[in-house]
All heavy atoms as atom14 arrays in JSON, in Angstrom:
{
  "sequence": "VVREARAFREKQGVNVQLGCRVEGIDPGKGL",
  "atom14_mask": [
    [1, 1, 1, 1, 1, 1, 1, 0, 0, 0, 0, 0, 0, 0],
    [1, 1, 1, 1, 1, 1, 1, 0, 0, 0, 0, 0, 0, 0],
    [1, 1, 1, 1, 1, 1, 1, 1, 1, 1, 1, 0, 0, 0],
    [1, 1, 1, 1, 1, 1, 1, 1, 1, 0, 0, 0, 0, 0],
    [1, 1, 1, 1, 1, 0, 0, 0, 0, 0, 0, 0, 0, 0],
    [1, 1, 1, 1, 1, 1, 1, 1, 1, 1, 1, 0, 0, 0],
    [1, 1, 1, 1, 1, 0, 0, 0, 0, 0, 0, 0, 0, 0],
    [1, 1, 1, 1, 1, 1, 1, 1, 1, 1, 1, 0, 0, 0],
    [1, 1, 1, 1, 1, 1, 1, 1, 1, 1, 1, 0, 0, 0],
    [1, 1, 1, 1, 1, 1, 1, 1, 1, 0, 0, 0, 0, 0],
    [1, 1, 1, 1, 1, 1, 1, 1, 1, 0, 0, 0, 0, 0],
    [1, 1, 1, 1, 1, 1, 1, 1, 1, 0, 0, 0, 0, 0],
    [1, 1, 1, 1, 0, 0, 0, 0, 0, 0, 0, 0, 0, 0],
    [1, 1, 1, 1, 1, 1, 1, 0, 0, 0, 0, 0, 0, 0],
    [1, 1, 1, 1, 1, 1, 1, 1, 0, 0, 0, 0, 0, 0],
    [1, 1, 1, 1, 1, 1, 1, 0, 0, 0, 0, 0, 0, 0],
    [1, 1, 1, 1, 1, 1, 1, 1, 1, 0, 0, 0, 0, 0],
    [1, 1, 1, 1, 1, 1, 1, 1, 0, 0, 0, 0, 0, 0],
    [1, 1, 1, 1, 0, 0, 0, 0, 0, 0, 0, 0, 0, 0],
    [1, 1, 1, 1, 1, 1, 0, 0, 0, 0, 0, 0, 0, 0],
    [1, 1, 1, 1, 1, 1, 1, 1, 1, 1, 1, 0, 0, 0],
    [1, 1, 1, 1, 1, 1, 1, 0, 0, 0, 0, 0, 0, 0],
    [1, 1, 1, 1, 1, 1, 1, 1, 1, 0, 0, 0, 0, 0],
    [1, 1, 1, 1, 0, 0, 0, 0, 0, 0, 0, 0, 0, 0],
    [1, 1, 1, 1, 1, 1, 1, 1, 0, 0, 0, 0, 0, 0],
    [1, 1, 1, 1, 1, 1, 1, 1, 0, 0, 0, 0, 0, 0],
    [1, 1, 1, 1, 1, 1, 1, 0, 0, 0, 0, 0, 0, 0],
    [1, 1, 1, 1, 0, 0, 0, 0, 0, 0, 0, 0, 0, 0],
    [1, 1, 1, 1, 1, 1, 1, 1, 1, 0, 0, 0, 0, 0],
    [1, 1, 1, 1, 0, 0, 0, 0, 0, 0, 0, 0, 0, 0],
    [1, 1, 1, 1, 1, 1, 1, 1, 0, 0, 0, 0, 0, 0]
  ],
  "atom14_positions": [
    [[85.05, 112.31, 91.42], [86.14, 111.33, 91.57], [86.08, 110.21, 90.72], [85.05, 109.52, 90.65], [86.1, 110.95, 93.12], [87.23, 109.87, 93.38], [86.28, 112.22, 94.01], [0.0, 0.0, 0.0], [0.0, 0.0, 0.0], [0.0, 0.0, 0.0], [0.0, 0.0, 0.0], [0.0, 0.0, 0.0], [0.0, 0.0, 0.0], [0.0, 0.0, 0.0]],
    [[87.14, 109.98, 89.98], [87.09, 108.87, 89.02], [87.46, 107.52, 89.75], [86.85, 106.46, 89.42], [88.12, 109.04, 87.84], [88.15, 107.89, 86.92], [87.71, 110.33, 87.14], [0.0, 0.0, 0.0], [0.0, 0.0, 0.0], [0.0, 0.0, 0.0], [0.0, 0.0, 0.0], [0.0, 0.0, 0.0], [0.0, 0.0, 0.0], [0.0, 0.0, 0.0]],
    [[88.39, 107.63, 90.6], [88.89, 106.38, 91.34], [89.54, 106.87, 92.6], [90.21, 107.77, 92.66], [90.0, 105.65, 90.52], [90.05, 104.12, 90.84], [90.89, 103.53, 89.87], [90.95, 102.23, 90.01], [91.95, 101.28, 89.51], [92.95, 101.8, 88.9], [91.85, 100.0, 89.74], [0.0, 0.0, 0.0], [0.0, 0.0, 0.0], [0.0, 0.0, 0.0]],
    [[89.06, 106.15, 93.72], [89.59, 106.51, 95.09], [90.9, 105.9, 95.33], [91.2, 104.81, 94.72], [88.55, 106.26, 96.15], [87.19, 106.99, 96.01], [86.28, 106.76, 97.17], [86.46, 105.82, 97.95], [85.3, 107.47, 97.27], [0.0, 0.0, 0.0], [0.0, 0.0, 0.0], [0.0, 0.0, 0.0], [0.0, 0.0, 0.0], [0.0, 0.0, 0.0]],
    [[91.63, 106.36, 96.33], [92.95, 105.75, 96.69], [92.86, 104.37, 97.07], [93.7, 103.49, 96.64], [93.58, 106.55, 97.89], [0.0, 0.0, 0.0], [0.0, 0.0, 0.0], [0.0, 0.0, 0.0], [0.0, 0.0, 0.0], [0.0, 0.0, 0.0], [0.0, 0.0, 0.0], [0.0, 0.0, 0.0], [0.0, 0.0, 0.0], [0.0, 0.0, 0.0]],
    [[91.69, 103.96, 97.72], [91.48, 102.57, 98.14], [91.55, 101.6, 96.97], [92.07, 100.53, 97.06], [90.25, 102.45, 98.97], [89.93, 100.97, 99.44], [88.6, 100.94, 100.12], [87.45, 101.08, 99.18], [86.8, 102.24, 99.05], [86.94, 103.2, 99.88], [85.77, 102.13, 98.2], [0.0, 0.0, 0.0], [0.0, 0.0, 0.0], [0.0, 0.0, 0.0]],
    [[90.9, 102.04, 95.89], [90.86, 101.16, 94.61], [92.33, 100.91, 94.09], [92.66, 99.79, 93.54], [89.94, 101.78, 93.66], [0.0, 0.0, 0.0], [0.0, 0.0, 0.0], [0.0, 0.0, 0.0], [0.0, 0.0, 0.0], [0.0, 0.0, 0.0], [0.0, 0.0, 0.0], [0.0, 0.0, 0.0], [0.0, 0.0, 0.0], [0.0, 0.0, 0.0]],
    [[93.17, 101.94, 94.15], [94.53, 101.82, 93.63], [95.26, 100.78, 94.45], [96.03, 99.96, 94.04], [95.29, 103.1, 93.57], [94.86, 104.0, 92.44], [93.89, 105.0, 92.54], [95.28, 103.82, 91.08], [93.51, 105.79, 91.53], [95.01, 104.62, 90.1], [94.09, 105.56, 90.24], [0.0, 0.0, 0.0], [0.0, 0.0, 0.0], [0.0, 0.0, 0.0]],
    [[95.09, 100.9, 95.78], [95.69, 100.0, 96.8], [95.23, 98.59, 96.57], [96.12, 97.64, 96.42], [95.47, 100.52, 98.18], [96.02, 101.86, 98.54], [95.94, 102.05, 100.06], [96.07, 103.47, 100.33], [95.25, 104.35, 100.82], [93.95, 103.89, 100.87], [95.52, 105.58, 101.1], [0.0, 0.0, 0.0], [0.0, 0.0, 0.0], [0.0, 0.0, 0.0]],
    [[93.96, 98.3, 96.59], [93.41, 97.06, 96.6], [93.52, 96.33, 95.23], [93.71, 95.12, 95.28], [91.89, 97.16, 97.01], [91.88, 97.51, 98.49], [90.36, 97.75, 98.89], [89.38, 97.64, 98.16], [90.16, 98.07, 100.08], [0.0, 0.0, 0.0], [0.0, 0.0, 0.0], [0.0, 0.0, 0.0], [0.0, 0.0, 0.0], [0.0, 0.0, 0.0]],
    [[93.29, 97.11, 94.22], [93.13, 96.38, 92.91], [94.51, 96.43, 92.08], [94.64, 95.48, 91.28], [92.05, 97.13, 91.97], [90.72, 97.03, 92.55], [89.71, 97.57, 91.56], [88.26, 97.47, 92.1], [87.2, 98.13, 91.19], [0.0, 0.0, 0.0], [0.0, 0.0, 0.0], [0.0, 0.0, 0.0], [0.0, 0.0, 0.0], [0.0, 0.0, 0.0]],
    [[95.39, 97.34, 92.36], [96.73, 97.3, 91.67], [97.9, 97.21, 92.44], [98.99, 97.13, 92.01], [96.73, 98.62, 90.76], [95.74, 98.59, 89.72], [95.85, 99.92, 88.83], [95.38, 101.05, 89.22], [96.44, 99.73, 87.58], [0.0, 0.0, 0.0], [0.0, 0.0, 0.0], [0.0, 0.0, 0.0], [0.0, 0.0, 0.0], [0.0, 0.0, 0.0]],
    [[97.7, 97.26, 93.8], [98.8, 97.25, 94.74], [99.71, 98.42, 94.68], [100.86, 98.38, 95.02], [0.0, 0.0, 0.0], [0.0, 0.0, 0.0], [0.0, 0.0, 0.0], [0.0, 0.0, 0.0], [0.0, 0.0, 0.0], [0.0, 0.0, 0.0], [0.0, 0.0, 0.0], [0.0, 0.0, 0.0], [0.0, 0.0, 0.0], [0.0, 0.0, 0.0]],
    [[99.08, 99.53, 94.43], [99.93, 100.8, 94.51], [99.72, 101.32, 95.87], [98.66, 101.45, 96.55], [99.27, 101.87, 93.53], [100.03, 103.2, 93.85], [99.3, 101.34, 92.07], [0.0, 0.0, 0.0], [0.0, 0.0, 0.0], [0.0, 0.0, 0.0], [0.0, 0.0, 0.0], [0.0, 0.0, 0.0], [0.0, 0.0, 0.0], [0.0, 0.0, 0.0]],
    [[100.92, 101.65, 96.51], [100.9, 102.13, 97.93], [100.6, 103.63, 97.87], [101.57, 104.45, 97.72], [102.4, 101.86, 98.5], [102.4, 102.33, 100.01], [101.42, 102.52, 100.65], [103.68, 102.5, 100.45], [0.0, 0.0, 0.0], [0.0, 0.0, 0.0], [0.0, 0.0, 0.0], [0.0, 0.0, 0.0], [0.0, 0.0, 0.0], [0.0, 0.0, 0.0]],
    [[99.4, 104.08, 98.0], [99.07, 105.52, 97.94], [98.99, 106.01, 99.46], [98.34, 105.5, 100.27], [97.64, 105.67, 97.32], [97.33, 107.05, 97.21], [97.7, 105.09, 95.95], [0.0, 0.0, 0.0], [0.0, 0.0, 0.0], [0.0, 0.0, 0.0], [0.0, 0.0, 0.0], [0.0, 0.0, 0.0], [0.0, 0.0, 0.0], [0.0, 0.0, 0.0]],
    [[99.83, 107.03, 99.65], [99.96, 107.63, 100.98], [99.43, 109.03, 100.92], [99.86, 109.9, 100.22], [101.41, 107.61, 101.45], [102.08, 106.42, 101.54], [101.54, 105.61, 102.77], [101.37, 106.09, 103.81], [101.3, 104.31, 102.51], [0.0, 0.0, 0.0], [0.0, 0.0, 0.0], [0.0, 0.0, 0.0], [0.0, 0.0, 0.0], [0.0, 0.0, 0.0]],
    [[98.31, 109.29, 101.58], [97.56, 110.58, 101.45], [98.05, 111.39, 102.62], [98.45, 110.84, 103.68], [96.18, 110.3, 101.64], [95.46, 109.48, 100.42], [93.94, 109.34, 100.65], [95.76, 110.12, 99.04], [0.0, 0.0, 0.0], [0.0, 0.0, 0.0], [0.0, 0.0, 0.0], [0.0, 0.0, 0.0], [0.0, 0.0, 0.0], [0.0, 0.0, 0.0]],
    [[97.89, 112.7, 102.59], [98.23, 113.5, 103.66], [99.73, 113.58, 103.88], [100.13, 113.92, 104.93], [0.0, 0.0, 0.0], [0.0, 0.0, 0.0], [0.0, 0.0, 0.0], [0.0, 0.0, 0.0], [0.0, 0.0, 0.0], [0.0, 0.0, 0.0], [0.0, 0.0, 0.0], [0.0, 0.0, 0.0], [0.0, 0.0, 0.0], [0.0, 0.0, 0.0]],
    [[100.55, 113.27, 102.9], [101.93, 113.33, 103.02], [102.62, 114.2, 102.03], [102.56, 114.13, 100.87], [102.53, 111.93, 102.71], [101.96, 110.57, 103.85], [0.0, 0.0, 0.0], [0.0, 0.0, 0.0], [0.0, 0.0, 0.0], [0.0, 0.0, 0.0], [0.0, 0.0, 0.0], [0.0, 0.0, 0.0], [0.0, 0.0, 0.0], [0.0, 0.0, 0.0]],
    [[103.26, 115.23, 102.61], [103.92, 116.22, 101.8], [105.45, 115.97, 101.72], [106.14, 116.04, 102.75], [103.71, 117.68, 102.41], [104.41, 118.75, 101.64], [104.21, 120.11, 102.32], [104.81, 121.22, 101.55], [104.28, 121.85, 100.62], [103.16, 121.48, 100.06], [105.01, 122.83, 99.96], [0.0, 0.0, 0.0], [0.0, 0.0, 0.0], [0.0, 0.0, 0.0]],
    [[105.91, 115.82, 100.56], [107.28, 115.65, 100.23], [108.05, 116.88, 100.23], [107.54, 117.89, 99.54], [107.58, 114.78, 98.82], [109.03, 114.84, 98.63], [107.09, 113.46, 99.03], [0.0, 0.0, 0.0], [0.0, 0.0, 0.0], [0.0, 0.0, 0.0], [0.0, 0.0, 0.0], [0.0, 0.0, 0.0], [0.0, 0.0, 0.0], [0.0, 0.0, 0.0]],
    [[108.96, 117.08, 101.07], [109.61, 118.44, 101.19], [111.14, 118.52, 100.55], [111.54, 119.63, 100.55], [109.63, 118.81, 102.6], [108.21, 118.95, 103.31], [108.33, 119.54, 104.73], [109.21, 119.15, 105.4], [107.52, 120.31, 105.06], [0.0, 0.0, 0.0], [0.0, 0.0, 0.0], [0.0, 0.0, 0.0], [0.0, 0.0, 0.0], [0.0, 0.0, 0.0]],
    [[111.47, 117.42, 100.16], [112.91, 117.4, 99.69], [113.26, 116.07, 98.94], [112.67, 115.04, 99.21], [0.0, 0.0, 0.0], [0.0, 0.0, 0.0], [0.0, 0.0, 0.0], [0.0, 0.0, 0.0], [0.0, 0.0, 0.0], [0.0, 0.0, 0.0], [0.0, 0.0, 0.0], [0.0, 0.0, 0.0], [0.0, 0.0, 0.0], [0.0, 0.0, 0.0]],
    [[114.16, 116.31, 98.16], [114.87, 115.07, 97.38], [116.26, 115.05, 97.52], [117.0, 116.17, 97.42], [114.52, 115.2, 95.86], [113.05, 115.35, 95.54], [115.05, 114.0, 95.1], [112.72, 115.8, 94.15], [0.0, 0.0, 0.0], [0.0, 0.0, 0.0], [0.0, 0.0, 0.0], [0.0, 0.0, 0.0], [0.0, 0.0, 0.0], [0.0, 0.0, 0.0]],
    [[116.89, 113.84, 97.77], [118.4, 113.79, 97.71], [118.68, 112.8, 96.68], [118.69, 111.63, 96.81], [118.82, 113.06, 99.08], [120.32, 113.16, 99.25], [120.99, 113.02, 98.21], [120.78, 113.14, 100.36], [0.0, 0.0, 0.0], [0.0, 0.0, 0.0], [0.0, 0.0, 0.0], [0.0, 0.0, 0.0], [0.0, 0.0, 0.0], [0.0, 0.0, 0.0]],
    [[118.93, 113.36, 95.48], [119.19, 112.63, 94.3], [120.49, 111.61, 94.47], [120.54, 110.65, 93.9], [119.47, 113.56, 93.09], [118.8, 114.86, 93.58], [118.97, 114.9, 95.07], [0.0, 0.0, 0.0], [0.0, 0.0, 0.0], [0.0, 0.0, 0.0], [0.0, 0.0, 0.0], [0.0, 0.0, 0.0], [0.0, 0.0, 0.0], [0.0, 0.0, 0.0]],
    [[121.58, 112.13, 95.23], [122.66, 111.3, 95.4], [122.47, 110.07, 96.22], [122.91, 109.03, 95.84], [0.0, 0.0, 0.0], [0.0, 0.0, 0.0], [0.0, 0.0, 0.0], [0.0, 0.0, 0.0], [0.0, 0.0, 0.0], [0.0, 0.0, 0.0], [0.0, 0.0, 0.0], [0.0, 0.0, 0.0], [0.0, 0.0, 0.0], [0.0, 0.0, 0.0]],
    [[121.54, 110.13, 97.11], [121.09, 108.93, 97.94], [119.94, 108.23, 97.42], [119.58, 107.23, 97.92], [121.03, 109.34, 99.44], [122.3, 109.92, 100.11], [121.84, 110.28, 101.54], [123.17, 110.81, 102.26], [122.9, 111.19, 103.76], [0.0, 0.0, 0.0], [0.0, 0.0, 0.0], [0.0, 0.0, 0.0], [0.0, 0.0, 0.0], [0.0, 0.0, 0.0]],
    [[119.25, 108.93, 96.52], [118.0, 108.26, 95.97], [116.98, 108.17, 97.07], [116.22, 107.21, 97.24], [0.0, 0.0, 0.0], [0.0, 0.0, 0.0], [0.0, 0.0, 0.0], [0.0, 0.0, 0.0], [0.0, 0.0, 0.0], [0.0, 0.0, 0.0], [0.0, 0.0, 0.0], [0.0, 0.0, 0.0], [0.0, 0.0, 0.0], [0.0, 0.0, 0.0]],
    [[116.66, 109.4, 97.66], [115.75, 109.55, 98.81], [114.8, 110.67, 98.63], [115.16, 111.73, 98.08], [116.41, 109.79, 100.13], [117.18, 108.6, 100.7], [117.89, 109.11, 102.05], [116.14, 107.53, 101.28], [0.0, 0.0, 0.0], [0.0, 0.0, 0.0], [0.0, 0.0, 0.0], [0.0, 0.0, 0.0], [0.0, 0.0, 0.0], [0.0, 0.0, 0.0]]
  ]
}
């Protein structure tokens, strides 16, 4: 492991959501 999710959240402010499976995209609504 080069960098854990916590480091991205705390040091760069990236909202990393683990255990979340994206199942679809709605390009028209931007969702």
